All heavy atoms as atom14 arrays in JSON, in Angstrom:
{
  "sequence": "SIYTMAWYRQPPGNQRELVASLAHDGTTVHTDSVKGRFAISRDNAK",
  "atom14_mask": [
    [1, 1, 1, 1, 1, 1, 0, 0, 0, 0, 0, 0, 0, 0],
    [1, 1, 1, 1, 1, 1, 1, 1, 0, 0, 0, 0, 0, 0],
    [1, 1, 1, 1, 1, 1, 1, 1, 1, 1, 1, 1, 0, 0],
    [1, 1, 1, 1, 1, 1, 1, 0, 0, 0, 0, 0, 0, 0],
    [1, 1, 1, 1, 1, 1, 1, 1, 0, 0, 0, 0, 0, 0],
    [1, 1, 1, 1, 1, 0, 0, 0, 0, 0, 0, 0, 0, 0],
    [1, 1, 1, 1, 1, 1, 1, 1, 1, 1, 1, 1, 1, 1],
    [1, 1, 1, 1, 1, 1, 1, 1, 1, 1, 1, 1, 0, 0],
    [1, 1, 1, 1, 1, 1, 1, 1, 1, 1, 1, 0, 0, 0],
    [1, 1, 1, 1, 1, 1, 1, 1, 1, 0, 0, 0, 0, 0],
    [1, 1, 1, 1, 1, 1, 1, 0, 0, 0, 0, 0, 0, 0],
    [1, 1, 1, 1, 1, 1, 1, 0, 0, 0, 0, 0, 0, 0],
    [1, 1, 1, 1, 0, 0, 0, 0, 0, 0, 0, 0, 0, 0],
    [1, 1, 1, 1, 1, 1, 1, 1, 0, 0, 0, 0, 0, 0],
    [1, 1, 1, 1, 1, 1, 1, 1, 1, 0, 0, 0, 0, 0],
    [1, 1, 1, 1, 1, 1, 1, 1, 1, 1, 1, 0, 0, 0],
    [1, 1, 1, 1, 1, 1, 1, 1, 1, 0, 0, 0, 0, 0],
    [1, 1, 1, 1, 1, 1, 1, 1, 0, 0, 0, 0, 0, 0],
    [1, 1, 1, 1, 1, 1, 1, 0, 0, 0, 0, 0, 0, 0],
    [1, 1, 1, 1, 1, 0, 0, 0, 0, 0, 0, 0, 0, 0],
    [1, 1, 1, 1, 1, 1, 0, 0, 0, 0, 0, 0, 0, 0],
    [1, 1, 1, 1, 1, 1, 1, 1, 0, 0, 0, 0, 0, 0],
    [1, 1, 1, 1, 1, 0, 0, 0, 0, 0, 0, 0, 0, 0],
    [1, 1, 1, 1, 1, 1, 1, 1, 1, 1, 0, 0, 0, 0],
    [1, 1, 1, 1, 1, 1, 1, 1, 0, 0, 0, 0, 0, 0],
    [1, 1, 1, 1, 0, 0, 0, 0, 0, 0, 0, 0, 0, 0],
    [1, 1, 1, 1, 1, 1, 1, 0, 0, 0, 0, 0, 0, 0],
    [1, 1, 1, 1, 1, 1, 1, 0, 0, 0, 0, 0, 0, 0],
    [1, 1, 1, 1, 1, 1, 1, 0, 0, 0, 0, 0, 0, 0],
    [1, 1, 1, 1, 1, 1, 1, 1, 1, 1, 0, 0, 0, 0],
    [1, 1, 1, 1, 1, 1, 1, 0, 0, 0, 0, 0, 0, 0],
    [1, 1, 1, 1, 1, 1, 1, 1, 0, 0, 0, 0, 0, 0],
    [1, 1, 1, 1, 1, 1, 0, 0, 0, 0, 0, 0, 0, 0],
    [1, 1, 1, 1, 1, 1, 1, 0, 0, 0, 0, 0, 0, 0],
    [1, 1, 1, 1, 1, 1, 1, 1, 1, 0, 0, 0, 0, 0],
    [1, 1, 1, 1, 0, 0, 0, 0, 0, 0, 0, 0, 0, 0],
    [1, 1, 1, 1, 1, 1, 1, 1, 1, 1, 1, 0, 0, 0],
    [1, 1, 1, 1, 1, 1, 1, 1, 1, 1, 1, 0, 0, 0],
    [1, 1, 1, 1, 1, 0, 0, 0, 0, 0, 0, 0, 0, 0],
    [1, 1, 1, 1, 1, 1, 1, 1, 0, 0, 0, 0, 0, 0],
    [1, 1, 1, 1, 1, 1, 0, 0, 0, 0, 0, 0, 0, 0],
    [1, 1, 1, 1, 1, 1, 1, 1, 1, 1, 1, 0, 0, 0],
    [1, 1, 1, 1, 1, 1, 1, 1, 0, 0, 0, 0, 0, 0],
    [1, 1, 1, 1, 1, 1, 1, 1, 0, 0, 0, 0, 0, 0],
    [1, 1, 1, 1, 1, 0, 0, 0, 0, 0, 0, 0, 0, 0],
    [1, 1, 1, 1, 1, 1, 1, 1, 1, 0, 0, 0, 0, 0]
  ],
  "atom14_positions": [
    [[-39.11, 155.29, 43.09], [-39.46, 154.36, 44.08], [-38.51, 154.49, 45.27], [-38.84, 153.84, 46.41], [-39.21, 152.9, 43.43], [-37.96, 152.67, 42.92], [0.0, 0.0, 0.0], [0.0, 0.0, 0.0], [0.0, 0.0, 0.0], [0.0, 0.0, 0.0], [0.0, 0.0, 0.0], [0.0, 0.0, 0.0], [0.0, 0.0, 0.0], [0.0, 0.0, 0.0]],
    [[-37.36, 155.07, 45.19], [-36.46, 155.32, 46.29], [-36.59, 156.68, 47.02], [-35.81, 156.91, 47.98], [-35.03, 155.03, 45.98], [-34.44, 155.95, 44.99], [-34.87, 153.51, 45.34], [-32.98, 155.79, 44.68], [0.0, 0.0, 0.0], [0.0, 0.0, 0.0], [0.0, 0.0, 0.0], [0.0, 0.0, 0.0], [0.0, 0.0, 0.0], [0.0, 0.0, 0.0]],
    [[-37.46, 157.38, 46.44], [-37.61, 158.91, 47.14], [-38.74, 158.9, 48.14], [-39.72, 158.15, 47.95], [-37.8, 159.86, 46.07], [-36.65, 160.31, 45.37], [-35.82, 159.57, 44.57], [-36.33, 161.69, 45.64], [-34.62, 160.11, 44.0], [-35.17, 162.22, 45.02], [-34.31, 161.46, 44.25], [-33.27, 161.98, 43.68], [0.0, 0.0, 0.0], [0.0, 0.0, 0.0]],
    [[-38.62, 159.64, 49.13], [-39.79, 160.03, 49.92], [-40.6, 161.08, 49.17], [-39.97, 162.02, 48.61], [-39.23, 160.61, 51.25], [-38.72, 159.6, 52.1], [-40.4, 161.29, 52.02], [0.0, 0.0, 0.0], [0.0, 0.0, 0.0], [0.0, 0.0, 0.0], [0.0, 0.0, 0.0], [0.0, 0.0, 0.0], [0.0, 0.0, 0.0], [0.0, 0.0, 0.0]],
    [[-41.77, 160.89, 49.17], [-42.7, 161.9, 48.49], [-43.51, 162.57, 49.57], [-43.86, 162.0, 50.58], [-43.63, 161.17, 47.52], [-42.97, 160.43, 46.42], [-41.86, 161.49, 45.39], [-43.13, 162.69, 44.79], [0.0, 0.0, 0.0], [0.0, 0.0, 0.0], [0.0, 0.0, 0.0], [0.0, 0.0, 0.0], [0.0, 0.0, 0.0], [0.0, 0.0, 0.0]],
    [[-43.74, 163.77, 49.38], [-44.5, 164.61, 50.4], [-45.4, 165.64, 49.82], [-45.25, 166.04, 48.63], [-43.42, 165.39, 51.34], [0.0, 0.0, 0.0], [0.0, 0.0, 0.0], [0.0, 0.0, 0.0], [0.0, 0.0, 0.0], [0.0, 0.0, 0.0], [0.0, 0.0, 0.0], [0.0, 0.0, 0.0], [0.0, 0.0, 0.0], [0.0, 0.0, 0.0]],
    [[-46.42, 165.94, 50.56], [-47.36, 167.02, 50.24], [-47.14, 168.14, 51.21], [-47.2, 167.96, 52.44], [-48.81, 166.54, 50.16], [-49.14, 165.69, 49.06], [-49.19, 164.33, 49.08], [-49.5, 166.12, 47.73], [-49.57, 163.87, 47.82], [-49.72, 164.97, 46.98], [-49.63, 167.34, 47.06], [-50.07, 164.97, 45.63], [-49.92, 167.39, 45.77], [-50.22, 166.23, 45.0]],
    [[-47.01, 169.39, 50.7], [-47.01, 170.59, 51.52], [-48.13, 171.47, 51.07], [-48.71, 171.28, 49.97], [-45.63, 171.38, 51.28], [-44.49, 170.72, 51.95], [-43.84, 169.69, 51.43], [-44.0, 171.32, 53.19], [-42.74, 169.17, 52.14], [-42.92, 170.78, 53.85], [-42.24, 169.65, 53.33], [-41.16, 169.19, 53.91], [0.0, 0.0, 0.0], [0.0, 0.0, 0.0]],
    [[-48.46, 172.38, 51.89], [-49.43, 173.36, 51.46], [-49.12, 174.72, 51.96], [-48.38, 174.87, 53.06], [-50.86, 172.99, 51.9], [-51.06, 172.99, 53.49], [-52.44, 172.47, 53.86], [-52.67, 172.46, 55.28], [-53.71, 171.95, 55.89], [-54.67, 171.41, 55.15], [-53.83, 172.02, 57.2], [0.0, 0.0, 0.0], [0.0, 0.0, 0.0], [0.0, 0.0, 0.0]],
    [[-49.58, 175.76, 51.35], [-49.3, 177.15, 51.7], [-50.59, 177.89, 51.61], [-51.07, 178.25, 50.5], [-48.29, 177.82, 50.75], [-47.89, 179.22, 51.24], [-46.64, 179.77, 50.6], [-46.27, 179.23, 49.51], [-46.02, 180.74, 51.14], [0.0, 0.0, 0.0], [0.0, 0.0, 0.0], [0.0, 0.0, 0.0], [0.0, 0.0, 0.0], [0.0, 0.0, 0.0]],
    [[-51.21, 178.06, 52.83], [-52.49, 178.89, 52.94], [-52.24, 180.33, 52.58], [-51.02, 180.77, 52.68], [-52.91, 178.77, 54.44], [-52.15, 177.59, 54.96], [-50.85, 177.58, 54.16], [0.0, 0.0, 0.0], [0.0, 0.0, 0.0], [0.0, 0.0, 0.0], [0.0, 0.0, 0.0], [0.0, 0.0, 0.0], [0.0, 0.0, 0.0], [0.0, 0.0, 0.0]],
    [[-53.12, 181.04, 52.11], [-52.93, 182.46, 51.71], [-52.44, 183.24, 52.96], [-52.99, 183.14, 54.13], [-54.33, 182.91, 51.36], [-55.35, 181.93, 51.89], [-54.54, 180.62, 51.88], [0.0, 0.0, 0.0], [0.0, 0.0, 0.0], [0.0, 0.0, 0.0], [0.0, 0.0, 0.0], [0.0, 0.0, 0.0], [0.0, 0.0, 0.0], [0.0, 0.0, 0.0]],
    [[-51.33, 183.96, 52.71], [-50.83, 184.75, 53.84], [-50.09, 184.03, 54.88], [-49.49, 184.61, 55.86], [0.0, 0.0, 0.0], [0.0, 0.0, 0.0], [0.0, 0.0, 0.0], [0.0, 0.0, 0.0], [0.0, 0.0, 0.0], [0.0, 0.0, 0.0], [0.0, 0.0, 0.0], [0.0, 0.0, 0.0], [0.0, 0.0, 0.0], [0.0, 0.0, 0.0]],
    [[-49.75, 182.72, 54.64], [-49.07, 181.92, 55.59], [-47.88, 181.15, 55.05], [-47.72, 181.13, 53.76], [-49.96, 180.92, 56.27], [-51.03, 181.52, 57.18], [-52.19, 181.76, 56.79], [-50.64, 181.88, 58.43], [0.0, 0.0, 0.0], [0.0, 0.0, 0.0], [0.0, 0.0, 0.0], [0.0, 0.0, 0.0], [0.0, 0.0, 0.0], [0.0, 0.0, 0.0]],
    [[-47.05, 180.61, 55.87], [-45.92, 179.84, 55.45], [-46.27, 178.47, 54.91], [-47.39, 177.96, 55.3], [-44.89, 179.7, 56.64], [-44.4, 180.91, 57.15], [-43.52, 181.69, 56.2], [-42.62, 181.17, 55.59], [-43.87, 183.01, 55.91], [0.0, 0.0, 0.0], [0.0, 0.0, 0.0], [0.0, 0.0, 0.0], [0.0, 0.0, 0.0], [0.0, 0.0, 0.0]],
    [[-45.43, 177.96, 54.11], [-45.64, 176.55, 53.66], [-45.46, 175.59, 54.77], [-44.49, 175.7, 55.57], [-44.68, 176.35, 52.53], [-44.91, 174.99, 51.82], [-44.03, 174.84, 50.57], [-42.61, 174.87, 50.91], [-41.65, 175.07, 50.01], [-41.95, 175.28, 48.75], [-40.41, 175.06, 50.38], [0.0, 0.0, 0.0], [0.0, 0.0, 0.0], [0.0, 0.0, 0.0]],
    [[-46.27, 174.56, 54.87], [-46.26, 173.62, 55.9], [-46.42, 172.17, 55.31], [-47.08, 172.0, 54.3], [-47.35, 173.82, 56.95], [-48.74, 173.75, 56.39], [-49.81, 174.04, 57.41], [-49.46, 174.47, 58.57], [-51.0, 173.9, 57.07], [0.0, 0.0, 0.0], [0.0, 0.0, 0.0], [0.0, 0.0, 0.0], [0.0, 0.0, 0.0], [0.0, 0.0, 0.0]],
    [[-45.72, 171.23, 56.0], [-45.88, 169.83, 55.63], [-47.31, 169.34, 55.94], [-47.89, 169.64, 56.93], [-44.9, 169.03, 56.38], [-44.95, 167.4, 56.01], [-44.52, 167.14, 54.71], [-44.07, 166.72, 57.18], [0.0, 0.0, 0.0], [0.0, 0.0, 0.0], [0.0, 0.0, 0.0], [0.0, 0.0, 0.0], [0.0, 0.0, 0.0], [0.0, 0.0, 0.0]],
    [[-47.89, 168.65, 54.92], [-49.14, 168.05, 55.19], [-49.04, 166.58, 55.48], [-49.45, 165.99, 56.5], [-50.0, 168.18, 53.89], [-51.42, 167.45, 54.1], [-50.35, 169.66, 53.63], [0.0, 0.0, 0.0], [0.0, 0.0, 0.0], [0.0, 0.0, 0.0], [0.0, 0.0, 0.0], [0.0, 0.0, 0.0], [0.0, 0.0, 0.0], [0.0, 0.0, 0.0]],
    [[-48.28, 165.87, 54.66], [-47.98, 164.45, 54.78], [-46.81, 163.9, 53.94], [-46.44, 164.67, 53.0], [-49.23, 163.66, 54.33], [0.0, 0.0, 0.0], [0.0, 0.0, 0.0], [0.0, 0.0, 0.0], [0.0, 0.0, 0.0], [0.0, 0.0, 0.0], [0.0, 0.0, 0.0], [0.0, 0.0, 0.0], [0.0, 0.0, 0.0], [0.0, 0.0, 0.0]],
    [[-46.12, 162.98, 54.48], [-45.04, 162.37, 53.67], [-45.08, 160.88, 53.73], [-45.7, 160.28, 54.65], [-43.67, 162.84, 54.14], [-43.39, 162.41, 55.42], [0.0, 0.0, 0.0], [0.0, 0.0, 0.0], [0.0, 0.0, 0.0], [0.0, 0.0, 0.0], [0.0, 0.0, 0.0], [0.0, 0.0, 0.0], [0.0, 0.0, 0.0], [0.0, 0.0, 0.0]],
    [[-44.53, 160.3, 52.68], [-44.49, 158.78, 52.59], [-43.15, 158.38, 51.99], [-42.89, 158.65, 50.89], [-45.63, 158.35, 51.69], [-45.74, 156.82, 51.43], [-45.74, 155.98, 52.63], [-46.99, 156.59, 50.54], [0.0, 0.0, 0.0], [0.0, 0.0, 0.0], [0.0, 0.0, 0.0], [0.0, 0.0, 0.0], [0.0, 0.0, 0.0], [0.0, 0.0, 0.0]],
    [[-42.36, 157.84, 52.87], [-41.02, 157.31, 52.36], [-41.17, 156.01, 51.58], [-42.2, 155.34, 51.58], [-40.14, 157.09, 53.55], [0.0, 0.0, 0.0], [0.0, 0.0, 0.0], [0.0, 0.0, 0.0], [0.0, 0.0, 0.0], [0.0, 0.0, 0.0], [0.0, 0.0, 0.0], [0.0, 0.0, 0.0], [0.0, 0.0, 0.0], [0.0, 0.0, 0.0]],
    [[-39.99, 155.67, 50.93], [-40.16, 154.52, 50.05], [-40.31, 153.28, 50.88], [-40.76, 152.2, 50.34], [-38.78, 154.4, 49.25], [-37.67, 153.91, 50.03], [-36.92, 154.68, 50.9], [-37.03, 152.67, 50.07], [-35.96, 153.95, 51.37], [-36.05, 152.73, 50.91], [0.0, 0.0, 0.0], [0.0, 0.0, 0.0], [0.0, 0.0, 0.0], [0.0, 0.0, 0.0]],
    [[-39.94, 153.2, 52.14], [-40.12, 152.11, 52.99], [-41.46, 152.01, 53.65], [-41.72, 151.12, 54.54], [-39.01, 151.99, 54.01], [-38.98, 153.06, 55.05], [-39.88, 154.02, 54.88], [-38.2, 153.09, 55.97], [0.0, 0.0, 0.0], [0.0, 0.0, 0.0], [0.0, 0.0, 0.0], [0.0, 0.0, 0.0], [0.0, 0.0, 0.0], [0.0, 0.0, 0.0]],
    [[-42.34, 152.94, 53.39], [-43.65, 152.98, 54.0], [-43.8, 153.9, 55.12], [-44.93, 154.06, 55.65], [0.0, 0.0, 0.0], [0.0, 0.0, 0.0], [0.0, 0.0, 0.0], [0.0, 0.0, 0.0], [0.0, 0.0, 0.0], [0.0, 0.0, 0.0], [0.0, 0.0, 0.0], [0.0, 0.0, 0.0], [0.0, 0.0, 0.0], [0.0, 0.0, 0.0]],
    [[-42.75, 154.47, 55.64], [-42.94, 155.45, 56.77], [-43.73, 156.65, 56.37], [-43.44, 157.3, 55.41], [-41.41, 155.89, 57.17], [-40.72, 154.75, 57.62], [-41.62, 156.83, 58.43], [0.0, 0.0, 0.0], [0.0, 0.0, 0.0], [0.0, 0.0, 0.0], [0.0, 0.0, 0.0], [0.0, 0.0, 0.0], [0.0, 0.0, 0.0], [0.0, 0.0, 0.0]],
    [[-44.75, 156.91, 57.19], [-45.68, 158.04, 56.9], [-45.58, 159.16, 58.07], [-45.35, 158.77, 59.15], [-47.04, 157.6, 56.72], [-47.61, 157.0, 57.97], [-47.19, 156.64, 55.58], [0.0, 0.0, 0.0], [0.0, 0.0, 0.0], [0.0, 0.0, 0.0], [0.0, 0.0, 0.0], [0.0, 0.0, 0.0], [0.0, 0.0, 0.0], [0.0, 0.0, 0.0]],
    [[-45.86, 160.3, 57.66], [-45.98, 161.41, 58.63], [-47.25, 162.23, 58.19], [-47.33, 162.59, 56.89], [-44.75, 162.33, 58.64], [-45.03, 163.5, 59.47], [-43.57, 161.59, 59.18], [0.0, 0.0, 0.0], [0.0, 0.0, 0.0], [0.0, 0.0, 0.0], [0.0, 0.0, 0.0], [0.0, 0.0, 0.0], [0.0, 0.0, 0.0], [0.0, 0.0, 0.0]],
    [[-48.04, 162.58, 58.98], [-49.24, 163.38, 58.74], [-49.26, 164.5, 59.79], [-49.2, 164.09, 61.02], [-50.49, 162.71, 58.78], [-50.73, 161.67, 57.56], [-50.14, 160.42, 57.68], [-51.36, 161.81, 56.49], [-50.49, 159.74, 56.58], [-51.24, 160.56, 55.8], [0.0, 0.0, 0.0], [0.0, 0.0, 0.0], [0.0, 0.0, 0.0], [0.0, 0.0, 0.0]],
    [[-49.44, 165.75, 59.39], [-49.5, 166.77, 60.35], [-50.82, 166.63, 61.12], [-51.81, 166.1, 60.66], [-49.44, 168.21, 59.64], [-49.27, 169.22, 60.6], [-50.78, 168.42, 58.85], [0.0, 0.0, 0.0], [0.0, 0.0, 0.0], [0.0, 0.0, 0.0], [0.0, 0.0, 0.0], [0.0, 0.0, 0.0], [0.0, 0.0, 0.0], [0.0, 0.0, 0.0]],
    [[-50.77, 167.02, 62.34], [-51.9, 166.82, 63.32], [-53.25, 167.28, 62.79], [-54.34, 166.68, 62.95], [-51.67, 167.42, 64.61], [-50.59, 166.75, 65.42], [-50.24, 165.52, 65.08], [-50.07, 167.32, 66.45], [0.0, 0.0, 0.0], [0.0, 0.0, 0.0], [0.0, 0.0, 0.0], [0.0, 0.0, 0.0], [0.0, 0.0, 0.0], [0.0, 0.0, 0.0]],
    [[-53.26, 168.39, 62.06], [-54.49, 169.02, 61.63], [-55.16, 168.22, 60.59], [-56.37, 168.45, 60.3], [-54.27, 170.44, 61.16], [-53.38, 170.46, 60.01], [0.0, 0.0, 0.0], [0.0, 0.0, 0.0], [0.0, 0.0, 0.0], [0.0, 0.0, 0.0], [0.0, 0.0, 0.0], [0.0, 0.0, 0.0], [0.0, 0.0, 0.0], [0.0, 0.0, 0.0]],
    [[-54.43, 167.22, 59.89], [-55.16, 166.42, 58.93], [-55.25, 164.96, 59.28], [-55.89, 164.21, 58.49], [-54.36, 166.58, 57.52], [-54.14, 168.07, 57.21], [-53.05, 165.89, 57.57], [0.0, 0.0, 0.0], [0.0, 0.0, 0.0], [0.0, 0.0, 0.0], [0.0, 0.0, 0.0], [0.0, 0.0, 0.0], [0.0, 0.0, 0.0], [0.0, 0.0, 0.0]],
    [[-54.71, 164.6, 60.36], [-54.84, 163.14, 60.8], [-56.27, 162.72, 60.89], [-57.14, 163.42, 61.43], [-54.11, 162.97, 62.02], [-52.62, 163.05, 61.97], [-51.95, 162.81, 63.36], [-50.46, 162.78, 63.26], [-49.73, 162.74, 64.6], [0.0, 0.0, 0.0], [0.0, 0.0, 0.0], [0.0, 0.0, 0.0], [0.0, 0.0, 0.0], [0.0, 0.0, 0.0]],
    [[-56.55, 161.58, 60.21], [-57.91, 161.09, 60.16], [-58.72, 161.61, 59.05], [-59.89, 161.07, 58.85], [0.0, 0.0, 0.0], [0.0, 0.0, 0.0], [0.0, 0.0, 0.0], [0.0, 0.0, 0.0], [0.0, 0.0, 0.0], [0.0, 0.0, 0.0], [0.0, 0.0, 0.0], [0.0, 0.0, 0.0], [0.0, 0.0, 0.0], [0.0, 0.0, 0.0]],
    [[-58.25, 162.55, 58.4], [-59.07, 163.16, 57.24], [-58.27, 162.96, 55.87], [-58.94, 162.75, 54.95], [-59.25, 164.66, 57.5], [-60.11, 164.95, 58.75], [-60.51, 166.41, 58.75], [-59.38, 167.3, 58.79], [-59.09, 168.27, 57.88], [-59.83, 168.42, 56.88], [-58.02, 169.07, 57.98], [0.0, 0.0, 0.0], [0.0, 0.0, 0.0], [0.0, 0.0, 0.0]],
    [[-57.01, 163.12, 55.92], [-56.16, 163.05, 54.72], [-55.35, 161.78, 54.72], [-54.98, 161.33, 55.84], [-55.22, 164.18, 54.65], [-55.8, 165.58, 54.34], [-57.17, 165.69, 54.47], [-54.99, 166.6, 54.09], [-57.69, 166.99, 54.25], [-55.5, 167.88, 53.84], [-56.86, 168.06, 53.89], [0.0, 0.0, 0.0], [0.0, 0.0, 0.0], [0.0, 0.0, 0.0]],
    [[-54.99, 161.22, 53.71], [-54.16, 160.0, 53.59], [-53.32, 160.11, 52.35], [-53.78, 160.38, 51.25], [-54.96, 158.84, 53.54], [0.0, 0.0, 0.0], [0.0, 0.0, 0.0], [0.0, 0.0, 0.0], [0.0, 0.0, 0.0], [0.0, 0.0, 0.0], [0.0, 0.0, 0.0], [0.0, 0.0, 0.0], [0.0, 0.0, 0.0], [0.0, 0.0, 0.0]],
    [[-51.99, 159.86, 52.58], [-51.05, 159.89, 51.44], [-50.77, 158.47, 51.01], [-50.84, 157.6, 51.83], [-49.73, 160.61, 51.89], [-48.78, 160.79, 50.68], [-49.05, 159.8, 52.92], [-47.56, 161.65, 51.02], [0.0, 0.0, 0.0], [0.0, 0.0, 0.0], [0.0, 0.0, 0.0], [0.0, 0.0, 0.0], [0.0, 0.0, 0.0], [0.0, 0.0, 0.0]],
    [[-50.7, 158.31, 49.72], [-50.31, 156.98, 49.12], [-49.5, 157.19, 47.98], [-49.4, 158.33, 47.41], [-51.68, 156.27, 48.87], [-52.43, 156.92, 47.83], [0.0, 0.0, 0.0], [0.0, 0.0, 0.0], [0.0, 0.0, 0.0], [0.0, 0.0, 0.0], [0.0, 0.0, 0.0], [0.0, 0.0, 0.0], [0.0, 0.0, 0.0], [0.0, 0.0, 0.0]],
    [[-48.93, 156.06, 47.46], [-48.08, 156.16, 46.18], [-48.33, 154.91, 45.42], [-48.61, 153.85, 45.92], [-46.61, 156.43, 46.65], [-45.96, 155.29, 47.38], [-44.69, 155.72, 47.97], [-43.7, 156.03, 46.98], [-42.59, 156.71, 47.19], [-42.3, 157.22, 48.44], [-41.68, 156.93, 46.18], [0.0, 0.0, 0.0], [0.0, 0.0, 0.0], [0.0, 0.0, 0.0]],
    [[-48.1, 155.05, 44.1], [-48.14, 153.98, 43.25], [-46.81, 154.06, 42.41], [-46.64, 154.91, 41.5], [-49.31, 154.06, 42.29], [-49.43, 152.79, 41.33], [-48.51, 152.1, 41.17], [-50.53, 152.61, 40.88], [0.0, 0.0, 0.0], [0.0, 0.0, 0.0], [0.0, 0.0, 0.0], [0.0, 0.0, 0.0], [0.0, 0.0, 0.0], [0.0, 0.0, 0.0]],
    [[-45.85, 153.26, 42.82], [-44.49, 153.26, 42.25], [-44.49, 152.93, 40.76], [-43.69, 153.45, 40.0], [-43.5, 152.44, 42.95], [-43.16, 153.03, 44.34], [-43.35, 154.2, 44.57], [-42.58, 152.23, 45.19], [0.0, 0.0, 0.0], [0.0, 0.0, 0.0], [0.0, 0.0, 0.0], [0.0, 0.0, 0.0], [0.0, 0.0, 0.0], [0.0, 0.0, 0.0]],
    [[-45.38, 152.08, 40.35], [-45.58, 151.68, 38.96], [-45.98, 152.81, 38.1], [-45.7, 152.83, 36.87], [-46.58, 150.45, 38.88], [0.0, 0.0, 0.0], [0.0, 0.0, 0.0], [0.0, 0.0, 0.0], [0.0, 0.0, 0.0], [0.0, 0.0, 0.0], [0.0, 0.0, 0.0], [0.0, 0.0, 0.0], [0.0, 0.0, 0.0], [0.0, 0.0, 0.0]],
    [[-46.69, 153.75, 38.65], [-47.21, 154.92, 37.92], [-46.39, 156.16, 38.28], [-46.66, 157.27, 37.7], [-48.56, 155.17, 38.19], [-49.57, 154.09, 37.74], [-50.98, 154.41, 38.04], [-51.88, 153.28, 37.58], [-53.36, 153.54, 37.87], [0.0, 0.0, 0.0], [0.0, 0.0, 0.0], [0.0, 0.0, 0.0], [0.0, 0.0, 0.0], [0.0, 0.0, 0.0]]
  ]
}
C-alpha cells in the first residue's frame, strides 16, 4: 500500500520503457503512446 506500482514493457529488439505508474497517493503517469487506451489501477486489499 505504500509503494508506487508501475508497468514497463520491452518490445522485441528495443529497450524497456515505462508504460504507466501509480503511486500510493494516487499520482499516475502514463506514457504518451498509451494515454487514452491503457489505464493503471490498484487494489491494495488484494
